[in-house]
């Protein structure tokens, strides 16, 4: 398997992981609670790349660093972000 194929497969595996989807949905929920109906406006107002932010809300291409940046924008801790999330088993 080539490196590109491995990378593409691991990206697809992450998207299929219900835990990743749960995190993505929570990020979208925080944006909506902040009064933004559009991911583009939220990204623009917070100096985030619009395409990258859209991907994050879809459960693609999120890094710990980017998650921390988003949580800083919302002034929310990791503990608060993850509290109340269902503990799902590993796929």
Protein backbone atom coordinates (compact mmCIF):
# COMPACT_ATOMS: atom_id res chain seq x y z
CA UNK A 1 0.00 0.00 0.00
CA UNK A 2 1.39 3.43 -0.96
CA UNK A 3 1.73 6.29 1.56
CA UNK A 4 -1.11 8.26 -0.09
CA UNK A 5 -3.40 5.24 0.14
CA UNK A 6 -2.52 4.72 3.80
CA UNK A 7 -3.17 8.39 4.59
CA UNK A 8 -6.48 8.35 2.70
CA UNK A 9 -7.59 5.15 4.47
CA UNK A 10 -6.71 6.46 7.93
CA UNK A 11 -8.63 9.67 7.17
CA UNK A 12 -11.66 7.61 6.14
CA UNK A 13 -11.31 5.46 9.27
CA UNK A 14 -11.33 8.60 11.44
CA UNK A 15 -14.46 9.90 9.71
CA UNK A 16 -16.19 6.56 10.28
CA UNK A 17 -15.27 6.61 13.98
CA UNK A 18 -18.37 7.68 15.93
CA UNK A 19 -16.15 9.43 18.48
CA UNK A 20 -14.76 11.73 15.79
CA UNK A 21 -18.29 12.50 14.59
CA UNK A 22 -19.32 13.26 18.17
CA UNK A 23 -16.44 15.74 18.54
CA UNK A 24 -17.25 17.36 15.19
CA UNK A 25 -20.92 17.73 16.15
CA UNK A 26 -19.96 19.31 19.47
CA UNK A 27 -17.74 21.85 17.68
CA UNK A 28 -20.63 22.71 15.35
CA UNK A 29 -22.99 22.99 18.34
CA UNK A 30 -20.62 25.46 20.04
CA UNK A 31 -20.54 27.60 16.89
CA UNK A 32 -24.33 27.67 16.68
CA UNK A 33 -24.63 28.50 20.40
CA UNK A 34 -22.32 31.45 19.76
CA UNK A 35 -24.90 32.74 17.26
CA UNK A 36 -23.25 31.73 13.99
CA UNK A 37 -25.46 29.96 11.48
CA UNK A 38 -22.60 29.81 8.98
CA UNK A 39 -19.29 28.04 9.48
CA UNK A 40 -17.78 30.52 7.03
CA UNK A 41 -18.69 33.58 9.12
CA UNK A 42 -17.42 31.93 12.29
CA UNK A 43 -14.12 31.00 10.65
CA UNK A 44 -13.72 34.45 9.12
CA UNK A 45 -14.47 36.28 12.39
CA UNK A 46 -12.00 34.08 14.28
CA UNK A 47 -9.14 34.06 11.76
CA UNK A 48 -9.54 30.39 10.90
CA UNK A 49 -9.21 28.90 7.44
CA UNK A 50 -12.80 28.48 6.20
CA UNK A 51 -12.20 25.23 4.32
CA UNK A 52 -10.25 23.72 7.19
CA UNK A 53 -12.97 24.70 9.67
CA UNK A 54 -15.66 23.20 7.43
CA UNK A 55 -13.68 19.95 7.33
CA UNK A 56 -13.40 19.95 11.11
CA UNK A 57 -17.17 20.24 11.47
CA UNK A 58 -17.47 17.28 9.09
CA UNK A 59 -15.07 15.20 11.19
CA UNK A 60 -12.12 15.48 8.83
CA UNK A 61 -8.58 16.67 9.44
CA UNK A 62 -8.78 17.83 13.06
CA UNK A 63 -5.62 18.07 15.10
CA UNK A 64 -5.23 18.53 18.83
CA UNK A 65 -3.72 21.97 18.21
CA UNK A 66 -6.70 23.05 16.12
CA UNK A 67 -9.13 21.68 18.70
CA UNK A 68 -7.37 23.69 21.41
CA UNK A 69 -7.55 26.83 19.25
CA UNK A 70 -11.30 26.35 18.78
CA UNK A 71 -11.80 25.73 22.50
CA UNK A 72 -9.83 28.91 23.27
CA UNK A 73 -12.14 30.87 20.96
CA UNK A 74 -15.12 29.51 22.88
CA UNK A 75 -13.33 29.96 26.22
CA UNK A 76 -14.03 26.36 27.16
CA UNK A 77 -11.70 23.82 28.76
CA UNK A 78 -11.00 20.35 27.45
CA UNK A 79 -12.78 18.94 30.49
CA UNK A 80 -15.90 21.01 29.84
CA UNK A 81 -15.82 20.18 26.13
CA UNK A 82 -15.71 16.44 26.69
CA UNK A 83 -18.06 16.32 29.68
CA UNK A 84 -21.47 14.96 28.82
CA UNK A 85 -20.24 13.19 25.72
CA UNK A 86 -21.23 9.58 25.45
CA UNK A 87 -18.41 7.21 26.10
CA UNK A 88 -18.41 5.15 22.98
CA UNK A 89 -16.42 1.95 22.63
CA UNK A 90 -13.50 1.89 20.25
CA UNK A 91 -14.62 0.78 16.79
